[in-house]
Each structure stands twice: as structure tokens, then as C-alpha cells.
Amino acid sequence: MTRALRASRRALHSEVVLRRRPAANQPVCLSCFEPRPQPLPPRTPAPHEVLCRTVYLSVDPFLRCRFNASTGVDYTQPYALGEPIASAGIGEVLQVGDAVRGLAP
């Protein structure tokens, strides 16, 4: 087990949840979000899984419409209040399960 992995197992990670929706035609502000510390899973990755540390997380204009109660489009749904925000990112691979290939969602 690497030093980075041992350190990450002792640490918590944070998920960011949508606490409240921004007012109509108003900018999104920090009070709309809540970081929630979560323990890391106490297991090693299963086959076809990886354990990553997020280095960069995308915050792009597409996310703004998902903060509203209605996105105004059919191809994506709004974020639910109290649920983690999902986005694309770049991470450092800390541990690999068995035979991982390609890009992870």
C-alpha cells in the first residue's frame, strides 16, 4: 500500500451538496452549497474500480441550469436538494482494482 493511499484512508473526503437553489436570474453563491465530510470506503477497489483523489473539478455553464428547479430541457434533470453535485474532473489514481481500462464516468 502506498504512502498516499495510507494517508487517504485516514482522511475523510468531502462531497458538496446543493443546500438551496439560487434565486431566479441571480448568480450562484457559496450559501447554495454545503460541504459534507464523508469517510472513505474501508476497502480496496473491486475489479474494474479505481480509487482516485480529485485534483481538478469542472465547474462550467452547463451546471447552472441544473441548479434550477426545472432545467428547461429534456436531456438533463435538475440537481436534487441535499444530493451531491456531479461533474467531470481530473484525478490522481491512488489504487487500481483488477484490469481497469479506458475512461471512468
N, C-alpha and C. Protein backbone atom coordinates (compact mmCIF):
# COMPACT_ATOMS: atom_id res chain seq x y z
N MET A 1 0.86 -1.17 0.00
CA MET A 1 0.00 0.00 0.00
C MET A 1 0.91 1.24 0.00
N THR A 2 0.64 2.19 -0.87
CA THR A 2 1.47 3.38 -0.98
C THR A 2 1.23 4.34 0.18
N ARG A 3 2.19 5.25 0.38
CA ARG A 3 2.05 6.24 1.44
C ARG A 3 0.83 7.13 1.20
N ALA A 4 0.61 7.53 -0.05
CA ALA A 4 -0.56 8.37 -0.37
C ALA A 4 -1.86 7.64 -0.06
N LEU A 5 -1.89 6.34 -0.35
CA LEU A 5 -3.10 5.57 -0.08
C LEU A 5 -3.32 5.44 1.43
N ARG A 6 -2.26 5.18 2.19
CA ARG A 6 -2.41 5.08 3.64
C ARG A 6 -2.93 6.40 4.21
N ALA A 7 -2.38 7.51 3.75
CA ALA A 7 -2.83 8.83 4.23
C ALA A 7 -4.28 9.07 3.83
N SER A 8 -4.66 8.68 2.61
CA SER A 8 -6.03 8.92 2.17
C SER A 8 -7.02 8.07 2.96
N ARG A 9 -6.63 6.89 3.40
CA ARG A 9 -7.52 6.03 4.17
C ARG A 9 -7.82 6.62 5.54
N ARG A 10 -6.86 7.38 6.08
CA ARG A 10 -7.09 8.01 7.38
C ARG A 10 -7.95 9.25 7.25
N ALA A 11 -7.96 9.84 6.08
CA ALA A 11 -8.66 11.12 5.89
C ALA A 11 -10.12 10.90 5.51
N LEU A 12 -10.87 11.96 5.64
CA LEU A 12 -12.23 11.99 5.14
C LEU A 12 -12.21 12.67 3.77
N HIS A 13 -13.22 12.42 3.00
CA HIS A 13 -13.38 13.21 1.78
C HIS A 13 -14.64 14.03 1.96
N SER A 14 -14.80 15.04 1.15
CA SER A 14 -15.99 15.88 1.23
C SER A 14 -16.78 15.75 -0.05
N GLU A 15 -18.08 15.64 0.10
CA GLU A 15 -18.95 15.75 -1.04
C GLU A 15 -19.65 17.10 -0.90
N VAL A 16 -19.93 17.73 -2.01
CA VAL A 16 -20.59 19.03 -1.99
C VAL A 16 -22.03 18.81 -2.42
N VAL A 17 -22.97 19.25 -1.59
CA VAL A 17 -24.39 19.07 -1.89
C VAL A 17 -25.04 20.43 -2.15
N LEU A 18 -26.13 20.39 -2.90
CA LEU A 18 -26.91 21.60 -3.16
C LEU A 18 -27.81 21.84 -1.96
N ARG A 19 -27.54 22.88 -1.20
CA ARG A 19 -28.31 23.21 0.00
C ARG A 19 -29.60 23.94 -0.35
N ARG A 20 -29.49 24.91 -1.26
CA ARG A 20 -30.67 25.67 -1.69
C ARG A 20 -30.47 26.11 -3.13
N ARG A 21 -31.53 26.38 -3.82
CA ARG A 21 -31.44 26.81 -5.22
C ARG A 21 -31.22 28.32 -5.25
N PRO A 22 -30.42 28.81 -6.21
CA PRO A 22 -30.26 30.26 -6.33
C PRO A 22 -31.56 30.90 -6.79
N ALA A 23 -31.76 32.15 -6.42
CA ALA A 23 -32.96 32.87 -6.85
C ALA A 23 -32.93 33.03 -8.37
N ALA A 24 -34.10 33.16 -8.97
CA ALA A 24 -34.20 33.31 -10.43
C ALA A 24 -33.37 34.48 -10.91
N ASN A 25 -32.60 34.24 -11.94
CA ASN A 25 -31.75 35.26 -12.57
C ASN A 25 -30.72 35.86 -11.62
N GLN A 26 -30.34 35.11 -10.61
CA GLN A 26 -29.31 35.56 -9.67
C GLN A 26 -28.11 34.63 -9.77
N PRO A 27 -26.92 35.13 -9.46
CA PRO A 27 -25.75 34.27 -9.52
C PRO A 27 -25.78 33.19 -8.43
N VAL A 28 -25.10 32.12 -8.70
CA VAL A 28 -24.94 31.07 -7.72
C VAL A 28 -23.91 31.55 -6.70
N CYS A 29 -24.18 31.35 -5.40
CA CYS A 29 -23.23 31.81 -4.38
C CYS A 29 -22.89 30.65 -3.44
N LEU A 30 -21.89 30.86 -2.61
CA LEU A 30 -21.43 29.80 -1.72
C LEU A 30 -22.51 29.28 -0.79
N SER A 31 -23.46 30.14 -0.39
CA SER A 31 -24.51 29.70 0.53
C SER A 31 -25.47 28.69 -0.11
N CYS A 32 -25.36 28.49 -1.43
CA CYS A 32 -26.19 27.48 -2.11
C CYS A 32 -25.66 26.06 -1.87
N PHE A 33 -24.43 25.95 -1.37
CA PHE A 33 -23.78 24.65 -1.25
C PHE A 33 -23.40 24.35 0.18
N GLU A 34 -23.20 23.07 0.45
CA GLU A 34 -22.76 22.63 1.76
C GLU A 34 -21.77 21.49 1.59
N PRO A 35 -20.53 21.65 2.08
CA PRO A 35 -19.60 20.52 2.06
C PRO A 35 -19.95 19.56 3.20
N ARG A 36 -19.97 18.28 2.90
CA ARG A 36 -20.28 17.26 3.92
C ARG A 36 -19.13 16.25 3.97
N PRO A 37 -18.41 16.21 5.09
CA PRO A 37 -17.34 15.22 5.22
C PRO A 37 -17.92 13.80 5.21
N GLN A 38 -17.26 12.93 4.51
CA GLN A 38 -17.68 11.53 4.41
C GLN A 38 -16.46 10.64 4.60
N PRO A 39 -16.59 9.52 5.31
CA PRO A 39 -15.45 8.61 5.43
C PRO A 39 -15.19 7.90 4.11
N LEU A 40 -13.95 7.60 3.85
CA LEU A 40 -13.62 6.81 2.67
C LEU A 40 -14.05 5.38 2.89
N PRO A 41 -14.41 4.67 1.84
CA PRO A 41 -14.76 3.26 1.99
C PRO A 41 -13.56 2.49 2.57
N PRO A 42 -13.78 1.59 3.53
CA PRO A 42 -12.68 0.89 4.16
C PRO A 42 -12.21 -0.33 3.38
N ARG A 43 -12.38 -0.32 2.09
CA ARG A 43 -11.99 -1.49 1.30
C ARG A 43 -11.13 -1.06 0.12
N THR A 44 -10.47 -2.02 -0.46
CA THR A 44 -9.71 -1.75 -1.67
C THR A 44 -10.67 -1.80 -2.85
N PRO A 45 -10.31 -1.15 -3.96
CA PRO A 45 -11.20 -1.17 -5.12
C PRO A 45 -11.46 -2.60 -5.62
N ALA A 46 -12.68 -2.84 -6.00
CA ALA A 46 -13.08 -4.12 -6.60
C ALA A 46 -12.57 -4.18 -8.03
N PRO A 47 -12.67 -5.34 -8.67
CA PRO A 47 -12.28 -5.40 -10.08
C PRO A 47 -13.01 -4.34 -10.90
N HIS A 48 -12.28 -3.70 -11.76
CA HIS A 48 -12.79 -2.66 -12.66
C HIS A 48 -13.14 -1.36 -11.93
N GLU A 49 -12.62 -1.14 -10.72
CA GLU A 49 -12.79 0.11 -9.99
C GLU A 49 -11.43 0.72 -9.72
N VAL A 50 -11.42 2.04 -9.48
CA VAL A 50 -10.21 2.73 -9.08
C VAL A 50 -10.53 3.65 -7.91
N LEU A 51 -9.52 3.91 -7.09
CA LEU A 51 -9.63 4.91 -6.03
C LEU A 51 -8.83 6.11 -6.50
N CYS A 52 -9.49 7.26 -6.63
CA CYS A 52 -8.85 8.47 -7.14
C CYS A 52 -9.00 9.61 -6.13
N ARG A 53 -8.04 10.51 -6.17
CA ARG A 53 -8.11 11.77 -5.43
C ARG A 53 -8.37 12.84 -6.46
N THR A 54 -9.46 13.58 -6.31
CA THR A 54 -9.80 14.62 -7.28
C THR A 54 -8.82 15.76 -7.17
N VAL A 55 -8.24 16.15 -8.31
CA VAL A 55 -7.30 17.25 -8.37
C VAL A 55 -7.99 18.50 -8.93
N TYR A 56 -8.73 18.32 -10.03
CA TYR A 56 -9.47 19.41 -10.65
C TYR A 56 -10.91 18.95 -10.87
N LEU A 57 -11.85 19.84 -10.60
CA LEU A 57 -13.26 19.54 -10.81
C LEU A 57 -13.85 20.60 -11.72
N SER A 58 -14.57 20.19 -12.75
CA SER A 58 -15.15 21.11 -13.71
C SER A 58 -16.35 21.85 -13.12
N VAL A 59 -16.35 23.14 -13.27
CA VAL A 59 -17.49 23.99 -12.91
C VAL A 59 -17.78 24.83 -14.15
N ASP A 60 -18.71 24.35 -14.96
CA ASP A 60 -18.96 25.00 -16.24
C ASP A 60 -20.40 25.47 -16.36
N PRO A 61 -20.73 26.27 -17.37
CA PRO A 61 -22.07 26.85 -17.50
C PRO A 61 -23.19 25.81 -17.57
N PHE A 62 -22.91 24.63 -18.05
CA PHE A 62 -23.93 23.58 -18.12
C PHE A 62 -24.52 23.29 -16.74
N LEU A 63 -23.72 23.38 -15.70
CA LEU A 63 -24.19 23.08 -14.35
C LEU A 63 -25.23 24.08 -13.88
N ARG A 64 -25.16 25.33 -14.34
CA ARG A 64 -26.05 26.38 -13.83
C ARG A 64 -27.52 26.02 -14.03
N CYS A 65 -27.89 25.51 -15.19
CA CYS A 65 -29.30 25.18 -15.42
C CYS A 65 -29.76 24.04 -14.52
N ARG A 66 -28.85 23.18 -14.06
CA ARG A 66 -29.22 22.06 -13.19
C ARG A 66 -29.46 22.51 -11.75
N PHE A 67 -29.06 23.73 -11.39
CA PHE A 67 -29.33 24.26 -10.06
C PHE A 67 -30.77 24.75 -9.94
N ASN A 68 -31.42 25.01 -11.06
CA ASN A 68 -32.82 25.47 -11.05
C ASN A 68 -33.76 24.29 -10.79
N ALA A 69 -34.99 24.57 -10.37
CA ALA A 69 -35.98 23.52 -10.14
C ALA A 69 -36.36 22.83 -11.46
N SER A 70 -36.29 23.55 -12.57
CA SER A 70 -36.53 22.99 -13.90
C SER A 70 -35.37 23.41 -14.79
N THR A 71 -34.81 22.46 -15.53
CA THR A 71 -33.67 22.79 -16.40
C THR A 71 -34.11 23.45 -17.69
N GLY A 72 -35.38 23.28 -18.07
CA GLY A 72 -35.86 23.86 -19.32
C GLY A 72 -35.54 23.01 -20.54
N VAL A 73 -34.92 21.85 -20.33
CA VAL A 73 -34.59 20.94 -21.43
C VAL A 73 -34.97 19.51 -21.03
N ASP A 74 -35.07 18.63 -22.01
CA ASP A 74 -35.44 17.24 -21.75
C ASP A 74 -34.25 16.32 -21.49
N TYR A 75 -33.05 16.74 -21.89
CA TYR A 75 -31.91 15.82 -21.84
C TYR A 75 -31.14 15.82 -20.52
N THR A 76 -31.54 16.63 -19.55
CA THR A 76 -30.89 16.58 -18.24
C THR A 76 -31.88 16.97 -17.16
N GLN A 77 -31.66 16.49 -15.97
CA GLN A 77 -32.55 16.73 -14.84
C GLN A 77 -31.90 17.69 -13.85
N PRO A 78 -32.69 18.40 -13.06
CA PRO A 78 -32.11 19.30 -12.04
C PRO A 78 -31.48 18.49 -10.91
N TYR A 79 -30.52 19.12 -10.24
CA TYR A 79 -29.95 18.51 -9.04
C TYR A 79 -31.01 18.50 -7.95
N ALA A 80 -31.05 17.45 -7.15
CA ALA A 80 -31.98 17.37 -6.03
C ALA A 80 -31.34 18.07 -4.83
N LEU A 81 -32.14 18.79 -4.07
CA LEU A 81 -31.63 19.43 -2.85
C LEU A 81 -31.11 18.36 -1.90
N GLY A 82 -29.96 18.62 -1.30
CA GLY A 82 -29.36 17.68 -0.36
C GLY A 82 -28.58 16.56 -1.00
N GLU A 83 -28.53 16.51 -2.32
CA GLU A 83 -27.79 15.46 -3.02
C GLU A 83 -26.45 16.00 -3.53
N PRO A 84 -25.43 15.15 -3.65
CA PRO A 84 -24.13 15.61 -4.14
C PRO A 84 -24.20 16.15 -5.57
N ILE A 85 -23.37 17.14 -5.85
CA ILE A 85 -23.24 17.71 -7.18
C ILE A 85 -22.32 16.80 -7.99
N ALA A 86 -22.74 16.40 -9.18
CA ALA A 86 -21.93 15.56 -10.05
C ALA A 86 -21.33 16.42 -11.15
N SER A 87 -20.07 16.16 -11.47
CA SER A 87 -19.40 16.88 -12.54
C SER A 87 -18.21 16.06 -13.02
N ALA A 88 -17.60 16.48 -14.11
CA ALA A 88 -16.40 15.82 -14.62
C ALA A 88 -15.19 16.37 -13.87
N GLY A 89 -14.14 15.60 -13.83
CA GLY A 89 -12.94 16.07 -13.15
C GLY A 89 -11.71 15.31 -13.59
N ILE A 90 -10.58 15.71 -13.03
CA ILE A 90 -9.30 15.05 -13.26
C ILE A 90 -8.79 14.61 -11.91
N GLY A 91 -8.36 13.37 -11.81
CA GLY A 91 -7.92 12.85 -10.52
C GLY A 91 -6.60 12.11 -10.61
N GLU A 92 -6.00 11.92 -9.45
CA GLU A 92 -4.79 11.13 -9.31
C GLU A 92 -5.23 9.73 -8.88
N VAL A 93 -4.81 8.72 -9.61
CA VAL A 93 -5.15 7.35 -9.29
C VAL A 93 -4.29 6.90 -8.12
N LEU A 94 -4.94 6.50 -7.02
CA LEU A 94 -4.22 6.04 -5.83
C LEU A 94 -4.11 4.53 -5.79
N GLN A 95 -5.14 3.83 -6.25
CA GLN A 95 -5.12 2.37 -6.24
C GLN A 95 -6.04 1.86 -7.33
N VAL A 96 -5.65 0.74 -7.95
CA VAL A 96 -6.40 0.16 -9.05
C VAL A 96 -6.89 -1.23 -8.66
N GLY A 97 -8.14 -1.52 -9.01
CA GLY A 97 -8.66 -2.88 -8.85
C GLY A 97 -8.00 -3.76 -9.87
N ASP A 98 -8.70 -4.66 -10.44
CA ASP A 98 -8.16 -5.61 -11.40
C ASP A 98 -8.50 -5.19 -12.83
N ALA A 99 -7.50 -5.01 -13.67
CA ALA A 99 -7.69 -4.81 -15.10
C ALA A 99 -8.63 -3.67 -15.46
N VAL A 100 -8.31 -2.46 -15.05
CA VAL A 100 -9.10 -1.29 -15.41
C VAL A 100 -8.59 -0.75 -16.74
N ARG A 101 -9.51 -0.50 -17.66
CA ARG A 101 -9.13 0.04 -18.97
C ARG A 101 -10.08 1.16 -19.34
N GLY A 102 -9.58 2.18 -20.04
CA GLY A 102 -10.43 3.22 -20.58
C GLY A 102 -10.71 4.32 -19.57
N LEU A 103 -11.70 5.14 -19.88
CA LEU A 103 -12.06 6.28 -19.06
C LEU A 103 -13.18 5.90 -18.10
N ALA A 104 -13.09 6.43 -16.89
CA ALA A 104 -14.15 6.19 -15.90
C ALA A 104 -15.20 7.29 -16.04
N PRO A 105 -16.47 6.99 -15.76
CA PRO A 105 -17.51 8.02 -15.84
C PRO A 105 -17.35 9.06 -14.74
